[in-house]
Structures are given as structure tokens and as C-alpha cells.
PDB file of N, CA and C in Angstrom:
ATOM      1  N   MET A   1      38.893   1.515  -0.128  1.00  0.00           N
ATOM      2  CA  MET A   1      40.117   1.121   0.536  1.00  0.00           C
ATOM      3  C   MET A   1      40.455  -0.316   0.162  1.00  0.00           C
ATOM      4  N   PRO A   2      41.723  -0.571  -0.051  1.00  0.00           N
ATOM      5  CA  PRO A   2      42.113  -1.956  -0.312  1.00  0.00           C
ATOM      6  C   PRO A   2      41.971  -2.786   0.961  1.00  0.00           C
ATOM      7  N   PRO A   3      41.851  -4.089   0.814  1.00  0.00           N
ATOM      8  CA  PRO A   3      41.688  -4.952   1.995  1.00  0.00           C
ATOM      9  C   PRO A   3      42.810  -4.808   3.013  1.00  0.00           C
ATOM     10  N   SER A   4      44.012  -4.447   2.561  1.00  0.00           N
ATOM     11  CA  SER A   4      45.133  -4.306   3.498  1.00  0.00           C
ATOM     12  C   SER A   4      44.947  -3.114   4.431  1.00  0.00           C
ATOM     13  N   LEU A   5      44.074  -2.168   4.059  1.00  0.00           N
ATOM     14  CA  LEU A   5      43.780  -1.014   4.910  1.00  0.00           C
ATOM     15  C   LEU A   5      42.373  -1.147   5.490  1.00  0.00           C
ATOM     16  N   SER A   6      42.138  -2.265   6.124  1.00  0.00           N
ATOM     17  CA  SER A   6      40.839  -2.517   6.751  1.00  0.00           C
ATOM     18  C   SER A   6      41.059  -2.827   8.222  1.00  0.00           C
ATOM     19  N   TRP A   7      39.990  -2.687   8.988  1.00  0.00           N
ATOM     20  CA  TRP A   7      40.096  -3.012  10.419  1.00  0.00           C
ATOM     21  C   TRP A   7      40.472  -4.478  10.597  1.00  0.00           C
ATOM     22  N   GLU A   8      39.939  -5.349   9.753  1.00  0.00           N
ATOM     23  CA  GLU A   8      40.261  -6.773   9.873  1.00  0.00           C
ATOM     24  C   GLU A   8      41.745  -7.020   9.638  1.00  0.00           C
ATOM     25  N   ALA A   9      42.311  -6.364   8.623  1.00  0.00           N
ATOM     26  CA  ALA A   9      43.737  -6.529   8.331  1.00  0.00           C
ATOM     27  C   ALA A   9      44.601  -5.983   9.461  1.00  0.00           C
ATOM     28  N   LEU A  10      44.088  -5.005  10.186  1.00  0.00           N
ATOM     29  CA  LEU A  10      44.829  -4.429  11.306  1.00  0.00           C
ATOM     30  C   LEU A  10      44.624  -5.216  12.602  1.00  0.00           C
ATOM     31  N   GLY A  11      43.809  -6.273  12.535  1.00  0.00           N
ATOM     32  CA  GLY A  11      43.633  -7.141  13.698  1.00  0.00           C
ATOM     33  C   GLY A  11      42.490  -6.760  14.618  1.00  0.00           C
ATOM     34  N   VAL A  12      41.605  -5.882  14.172  1.00  0.00           N
ATOM     35  CA  VAL A  12      40.444  -5.505  14.996  1.00  0.00           C
ATOM     36  C   VAL A  12      39.158  -5.583  14.166  1.00  0.00           C
ATOM     37  N   PRO A  13      38.783  -6.811  13.780  1.00  0.00           N
ATOM     38  CA  PRO A  13      37.607  -6.976  12.916  1.00  0.00           C
ATOM     39  C   PRO A  13      36.307  -6.494  13.564  1.00  0.00           C
ATOM     40  N   GLN A  14      36.277  -6.380  14.890  1.00  0.00           N
ATOM     41  CA  GLN A  14      35.062  -5.923  15.558  1.00  0.00           C
ATOM     42  C   GLN A  14      34.746  -4.462  15.214  1.00  0.00           C
ATOM     43  N   LEU A  15      35.695  -3.747  14.621  1.00  0.00           N
ATOM     44  CA  LEU A  15      35.460  -2.352  14.231  1.00  0.00           C
ATOM     45  C   LEU A  15      35.015  -2.208  12.780  1.00  0.00           C
ATOM     46  N   ASP A  16      34.817  -3.348  12.084  1.00  0.00           N
ATOM     47  CA  ASP A  16      34.328  -3.281  10.705  1.00  0.00           C
ATOM     48  C   ASP A  16      33.072  -2.418  10.634  1.00  0.00           C
ATOM     49  N   GLY A  17      32.994  -1.611   9.613  1.00  0.00           N
ATOM     50  CA  GLY A  17      31.866  -0.705   9.467  1.00  0.00           C
ATOM     51  C   GLY A  17      32.177   0.703   9.941  1.00  0.00           C
ATOM     52  N   LYS A  18      33.214   0.843  10.768  1.00  0.00           N
ATOM     53  CA  LYS A  18      33.643   2.165  11.221  1.00  0.00           C
ATOM     54  C   LYS A  18      34.581   2.748  10.162  1.00  0.00           C
ATOM     55  N   PRO A  19      34.541   4.066   9.953  1.00  0.00           N
ATOM     56  CA  PRO A  19      35.486   4.675   9.007  1.00  0.00           C
ATOM     57  C   PRO A  19      36.924   4.442   9.460  1.00  0.00           C
ATOM     58  N   ILE A  20      37.836   4.267   8.508  1.00  0.00           N
ATOM     59  CA  ILE A  20      39.219   3.972   8.863  1.00  0.00           C
ATOM     60  C   ILE A  20      40.195   5.068   8.437  1.00  0.00           C
ATOM     61  N   ALA A  21      39.830   5.906   7.480  1.00  0.00           N
ATOM     62  CA  ALA A  21      40.770   6.887   6.927  1.00  0.00           C
ATOM     63  C   ALA A  21      41.319   7.819   8.003  1.00  0.00           C
ATOM     64  N   ALA A  22      40.465   8.390   8.829  1.00  0.00           N
ATOM     65  CA  ALA A  22      40.936   9.321   9.869  1.00  0.00           C
ATOM     66  C   ALA A  22      41.845   8.598  10.866  1.00  0.00           C
ATOM     67  N   ALA A  23      41.526   7.357  11.198  1.00  0.00           N
ATOM     68  CA  ALA A  23      42.367   6.596  12.121  1.00  0.00           C
ATOM     69  C   ALA A  23      43.754   6.366  11.534  1.00  0.00           C
ATOM     70  N   LEU A  24      43.821   6.112  10.242  1.00  0.00           N
ATOM     71  CA  LEU A  24      45.119   5.920   9.600  1.00  0.00           C
ATOM     72  C   LEU A  24      45.916   7.218   9.569  1.00  0.00           C
ATOM     73  N   ILE A  25      45.237   8.335   9.354  1.00  0.00           N
ATOM     74  CA  ILE A  25      45.930   9.630   9.364  1.00  0.00           C
ATOM     75  C   ILE A  25      46.422   9.953  10.778  1.00  0.00           C
ATOM     76  N   VAL A  26      45.596   9.680  11.785  1.00  0.00           N
ATOM     77  CA  VAL A  26      46.019   9.883  13.177  1.00  0.00           C
ATOM     78  C   VAL A  26      47.285   9.068  13.454  1.00  0.00           C
ATOM     79  N   ASP A  27      47.332   7.835  12.984  1.00  0.00           N
ATOM     80  CA  ASP A  27      48.508   6.988  13.177  1.00  0.00           C
ATOM     81  C   ASP A  27      49.732   7.566  12.479  1.00  0.00           C
ATOM     82  N   ARG A  28      49.575   8.024  11.238  1.00  0.00           N
ATOM     83  CA  ARG A  28      50.698   8.606  10.501  1.00  0.00           C
ATOM     84  C   ARG A  28      51.231   9.853  11.210  1.00  0.00           C
ATOM     85  N   LEU A  29      50.333  10.670  11.740  1.00  0.00           N
ATOM     86  CA  LEU A  29      50.765  11.871  12.453  1.00  0.00           C
ATOM     87  C   LEU A  29      51.485  11.501  13.752  1.00  0.00           C
ATOM     88  N   PHE A  30      50.986  10.470  14.441  1.00  0.00           N
ATOM     89  CA  PHE A  30      51.641  10.011  15.669  1.00  0.00           C
ATOM     90  C   PHE A  30      53.082   9.603  15.394  1.00  0.00           C
ATOM     91  N   ARG A  31      53.322   8.985  14.251  1.00  0.00           N
ATOM     92  CA  ARG A  31      54.677   8.586  13.868  1.00  0.00           C
ATOM     93  C   ARG A  31      55.598   9.798  13.714  1.00  0.00           C
ATOM     94  N   GLU A  32      55.002  10.973  13.490  1.00  0.00           N
ATOM     95  CA  GLU A  32      55.767  12.222  13.370  1.00  0.00           C
ATOM     96  C   GLU A  32      55.686  13.042  14.662  1.00  0.00           C
ATOM     97  N   GLN A  33      55.277  12.386  15.730  1.00  0.00           N
ATOM     98  CA  GLN A  33      55.175  12.985  17.063  1.00  0.00           C
ATOM     99  C   GLN A  33      54.178  14.142  17.105  1.00  0.00           C
ATOM    100  N   ILE A  34      53.078  13.977  16.369  1.00  0.00           N
ATOM    101  CA  ILE A  34      51.977  14.938  16.397  1.00  0.00           C
ATOM    102  C   ILE A  34      50.760  14.194  16.934  1.00  0.00           C
ATOM    103  N   LEU A  35      50.240  14.652  18.060  1.00  0.00           N
ATOM    104  CA  LEU A  35      49.123  13.970  18.696  1.00  0.00           C
ATOM    105  C   LEU A  35      47.797  14.548  18.215  1.00  0.00           C
ATOM    106  N   THR A  36      46.948  13.681  17.729  1.00  0.00           N
ATOM    107  CA  THR A  36      45.588  14.014  17.326  1.00  0.00           C
ATOM    108  C   THR A  36      44.696  12.887  17.831  1.00  0.00           C
ATOM    109  N   GLN A  37      43.395  13.046  17.660  1.00  0.00           N
ATOM    110  CA  GLN A  37      42.456  12.016  18.125  1.00  0.00           C
ATOM    111  C   GLN A  37      41.344  11.838  17.106  1.00  0.00           C
ATOM    112  N   LEU A  38      40.696  10.697  17.202  1.00  0.00           N
ATOM    113  CA  LEU A  38      39.443  10.517  16.478  1.00  0.00           C
ATOM    114  C   LEU A  38      38.330  11.111  17.314  1.00  0.00           C
ATOM    115  N   CYS A  39      37.376  11.721  16.673  1.00  0.00           N
ATOM    116  CA  CYS A  39      36.217  12.243  17.381  1.00  0.00           C
ATOM    117  C   CYS A  39      35.390  11.051  17.865  1.00  0.00           C
ATOM    118  N   ALA A  40      35.009  11.052  19.109  1.00  0.00           N
ATOM    119  CA  ALA A  40      34.344   9.889  19.706  1.00  0.00           C
ATOM    120  C   ALA A  40      33.022   9.539  19.033  1.00  0.00           C
ATOM    121  N   ASN A  41      32.260  10.523  18.614  1.00  0.00           N
ATOM    122  CA  ASN A  41      30.947  10.207  18.040  1.00  0.00           C
ATOM    123  C   ASN A  41      30.968  10.107  16.525  1.00  0.00           C
ATOM    124  N   ASP A  42      32.094  10.412  15.874  1.00  0.00           N
ATOM    125  CA  ASP A  42      32.180  10.313  14.415  1.00  0.00           C
ATOM    126  C   ASP A  42      33.621   9.989  14.029  1.00  0.00           C
ATOM    127  N   TRP A  43      33.875   8.739  13.723  1.00  0.00           N
ATOM    128  CA  TRP A  43      35.231   8.288  13.446  1.00  0.00           C
ATOM    129  C   TRP A  43      35.765   8.770  12.105  1.00  0.00           C
ATOM    130  N   SER A  44      34.995   9.532  11.369  1.00  0.00           N
ATOM    131  CA  SER A  44      35.513  10.109  10.132  1.00  0.00           C
ATOM    132  C   SER A  44      36.074  11.502  10.389  1.00  0.00           C
ATOM    133  N   VAL A  45      36.068  11.932  11.662  1.00  0.00           N
ATOM    134  CA  VAL A  45      36.543  13.264  12.042  1.00  0.00           C
ATOM    135  C   VAL A  45      37.783  13.131  12.919  1.00  0.00           C
ATOM    136  N   MET A  46      38.822  13.871  12.545  1.00  0.00           N
ATOM    137  CA  MET A  46      40.048  13.897  13.327  1.00  0.00           C
ATOM    138  C   MET A  46      40.050  15.175  14.158  1.00  0.00           C
ATOM    139  N   ARG A  47      40.282  15.031  15.455  1.00  0.00           N
ATOM    140  CA  ARG A  47      40.332  16.192  16.366  1.00  0.00           C
ATOM    141  C   ARG A  47      41.766  16.653  16.533  1.00  0.00           C
ATOM    142  N   ILE A  48      41.945  17.956  16.483  1.00  0.00           N
ATOM    143  CA  ILE A  48      43.236  18.541  16.832  1.00  0.00           C
ATOM    144  C   ILE A  48      42.984  19.557  17.938  1.00  0.00           C
ATOM    145  N   GLU A  49      43.901  19.663  18.850  1.00  0.00           N
ATOM    146  CA  GLU A  49      43.770  20.594  19.970  1.00  0.00           C
ATOM    147  C   GLU A  49      45.085  21.333  20.154  1.00  0.00           C
ATOM    148  N   PRO A  50      45.323  22.341  19.296  1.00  0.00           N
ATOM    149  CA  PRO A  50      46.575  23.085  19.430  1.00  0.00           C
ATOM    150  C   PRO A  50      46.548  23.980  20.664  1.00  0.00           C
ATOM    151  N   PRO A  51      47.712  24.366  21.143  1.00  0.00           N
ATOM    152  CA  PRO A  51      47.744  25.300  22.269  1.00  0.00           C
ATOM    153  C   PRO A  51      47.174  26.656  21.844  1.00  0.00           C
ATOM    154  N   LEU A  52      46.834  27.462  22.816  1.00  0.00           N
ATOM    155  CA  LEU A  52      46.268  28.781  22.538  1.00  0.00           C
ATOM    156  C   LEU A  52      47.247  29.636  21.735  1.00  0.00           C
ATOM    157  N   ILE A  53      48.513  29.543  22.065  1.00  0.00           N
ATOM    158  CA  ILE A  53      49.537  30.274  21.328  1.00  0.00           C
ATOM    159  C   ILE A  53      50.414  29.246  20.627  1.00  0.00           C
ATOM    160  N   VAL A  54      50.512  29.372  19.324  1.00  0.00           N
ATOM    161  CA  VAL A  54      51.268  28.396  18.541  1.00  0.00           C
ATOM    162  C   VAL A  54      52.100  29.154  17.502  1.00  0.00           C
ATOM    163  N   SER A  55      53.303  28.680  17.277  1.00  0.00           N
ATOM    164  CA  SER A  55      54.197  29.369  16.335  1.00  0.00           C
ATOM    165  C   SER A  55      53.840  29.019  14.892  1.00  0.00           C
ATOM    166  N   ARG A  56      54.254  29.882  14.006  1.00  0.00           N
ATOM    167  CA  ARG A  56      54.062  29.644  12.574  1.00  0.00           C
ATOM    168  C   ARG A  56      54.781  28.361  12.154  1.00  0.00           C
ATOM    169  N   GLU A  57      55.956  28.114  12.718  1.00  0.00           N
ATOM    170  CA  GLU A  57      56.723  26.912  12.380  1.00  0.00           C
ATOM    171  C   GLU A  57      55.966  25.638  12.773  1.00  0.00           C
ATOM    172  N   THR A  58      55.336  25.681  13.940  1.00  0.00           N
ATOM    173  CA  THR A  58      54.560  24.527  14.390  1.00  0.00           C
ATOM    174  C   THR A  58      53.360  24.299  13.473  1.00  0.00           C
ATOM    175  N   CYS A  59      52.701  25.362  13.087  1.00  0.00           N
ATOM    176  CA  CYS A  59      51.561  25.243  12.163  1.00  0.00           C
ATOM    177  C   CYS A  59      52.013  24.663  10.826  1.00  0.00           C
ATOM    178  N   THR A  60      53.130  25.165  10.329  1.00  0.00           N
ATOM    179  CA  THR A  60      53.664  24.668   9.055  1.00  0.00           C
ATOM    180  C   THR A  60      54.023  23.199   9.163  1.00  0.00           C
ATOM    181  N   ARG A  61      54.657  22.807  10.271  1.00  0.00           N
ATOM    182  CA  ARG A  61      55.017  21.398  10.484  1.00  0.00           C
ATOM    183  C   ARG A  61      53.777  20.515  10.492  1.00  0.00           C
ATOM    184  N   PHE A  62      52.704  20.984  11.154  1.00  0.00           N
ATOM    185  CA  PHE A  62      51.478  20.224  11.216  1.00  0.00           C
ATOM    186  C   PHE A  62      50.848  20.076   9.825  1.00  0.00           C
ATOM    187  N   VAL A  63      50.734  21.180   9.107  1.00  0.00           N
ATOM    188  CA  VAL A  63      50.119  21.144   7.770  1.00  0.00           C
ATOM    189  C   VAL A  63      50.922  20.238   6.839  1.00  0.00           C
ATOM    190  N   ASP A  64      52.243  20.333   6.890  1.00  0.00           N
ATOM    191  CA  ASP A  64      53.086  19.477   6.053  1.00  0.00           C
ATOM    192  C   ASP A  64      52.903  18.003   6.402  1.00  0.00           C
ATOM    193  N   ALA A  65      52.804  17.704   7.689  1.00  0.00           N
ATOM    194  CA  ALA A  65      52.612  16.310   8.128  1.00  0.00           C
ATOM    195  C   ALA A  65      51.255  15.773   7.682  1.00  0.00           C
ATOM    196  N   VAL A  66      50.222  16.594   7.770  1.00  0.00           N
ATOM    197  CA  VAL A  66      48.895  16.161   7.308  1.00  0.00           C
ATOM    198  C   VAL A  66      48.931  15.915   5.801  1.00  0.00           C
ATOM    199  N   GLU A  67      49.589  16.793   5.075  1.00  0.00           N
ATOM    200  CA  GLU A  67      49.695  16.602   3.624  1.00  0.00           C
ATOM    201  C   GLU A  67      50.390  15.283   3.295  1.00  0.00           C
ATOM    202  N   ARG A  68      51.495  14.986   3.982  1.00  0.00           N
ATOM    203  CA  ARG A  68      52.189  13.713   3.751  1.00  0.00           C
ATOM    204  C   ARG A  68      51.288  12.524   4.087  1.00  0.00           C
ATOM    205  N   ALA A  69      50.549  12.620   5.179  1.00  0.00           N
ATOM    206  CA  ALA A  69      49.667  11.523   5.588  1.00  0.00           C
ATOM    207  C   ALA A  69      48.554  11.299   4.570  1.00  0.00           C
ATOM    208  N   VAL A  70      47.973  12.377   4.082  1.00  0.00           N
ATOM    209  CA  VAL A  70      46.893  12.244   3.093  1.00  0.00           C
ATOM    210  C   VAL A  70      47.438  11.688   1.784  1.00  0.00           C
ATOM    211  N   ARG A  71      48.606  12.144   1.370  1.00  0.00           N
ATOM    212  CA  ARG A  71      49.221  11.596   0.148  1.00  0.00           C
ATOM    213  C   ARG A  71      49.527  10.112   0.303  1.00  0.00           C
ATOM    214  N   TRP A  72      50.007   9.718   1.489  1.00  0.00           N
ATOM    215  CA  TRP A  72      50.263   8.298   1.747  1.00  0.00           C
ATOM    216  C   TRP A  72      48.964   7.500   1.638  1.00  0.00           C
ATOM    217  N   LEU A  73      47.894   8.054   2.197  1.00  0.00           N
ATOM    218  CA  LEU A  73      46.606   7.361   2.157  1.00  0.00           C
ATOM    219  C   LEU A  73      46.102   7.254   0.723  1.00  0.00           C
ATOM    220  N   GLU A  74      46.268   8.304  -0.059  1.00  0.00           N
ATOM    221  CA  GLU A  74      45.845   8.266  -1.459  1.00  0.00           C
ATOM    222  C   GLU A  74      46.619   7.215  -2.243  1.00  0.00           C
ATOM    223  N   LYS A  75      47.915   7.114  -2.002  1.00  0.00           N
ATOM    224  CA  LYS A  75      48.736   6.111  -2.685  1.00  0.00           C
ATOM    225  C   LYS A  75      48.345   4.696  -2.258  1.00  0.00           C
ATOM    226  N   SER A  76      47.969   4.556  -1.014  1.00  0.00           N
ATOM    227  CA  SER A  76      47.635   3.227  -0.471  1.00  0.00           C
ATOM    228  C   SER A  76      46.247   2.768  -0.868  1.00  0.00           C
ATOM    229  N   ALA A  77      45.392   3.693  -1.204  1.00  0.00           N
ATOM    230  CA  ALA A  77      43.987   3.346  -1.511  1.00  0.00           C
ATOM    231  C   ALA A  77      43.835   2.787  -2.898  1.00  0.00           C
TER     232      ALA A  77
END
């Protein structure tokens, strides 16, 4: 990761050493009004909790948003 994508650059240097990629993806998804979380015991894991019944359109929207977030991260790295 470039220095601009570090915990220190984001203003939280006390988190140095923790994985940042999943946190950045969670942030990108939040910007698209998709709520996800970091797994509490492993910050390299992103948690999703979809409803029991979910439409195909919602699934497609989620997958497309994750793809955009990962592509953004790849370009930024």
C-alpha cells in the first residue's frame, strides 16, 4: 500500500500494523449506502449480513459495488 493509504495518513497512527484493505473497502461501500463491517478479531475480513430474503437486483448491486471498490483499491495501491 502506498503511504497515502495507511492508518497514519488517515489520522489514526495507533492502528498501524492492522490490515487496512478491508477497512477501505468497507468505507467505499458505505459511500454507496451499503453497510458492511470489519470482523472484530480479524481486520482483513469484511462481514456482510444480508437479510434472509434478498432480491437478485440487490445482490447484483452489492457485487457491482464490491467490484468497483476492489478496482479502486487496486488503482490506489
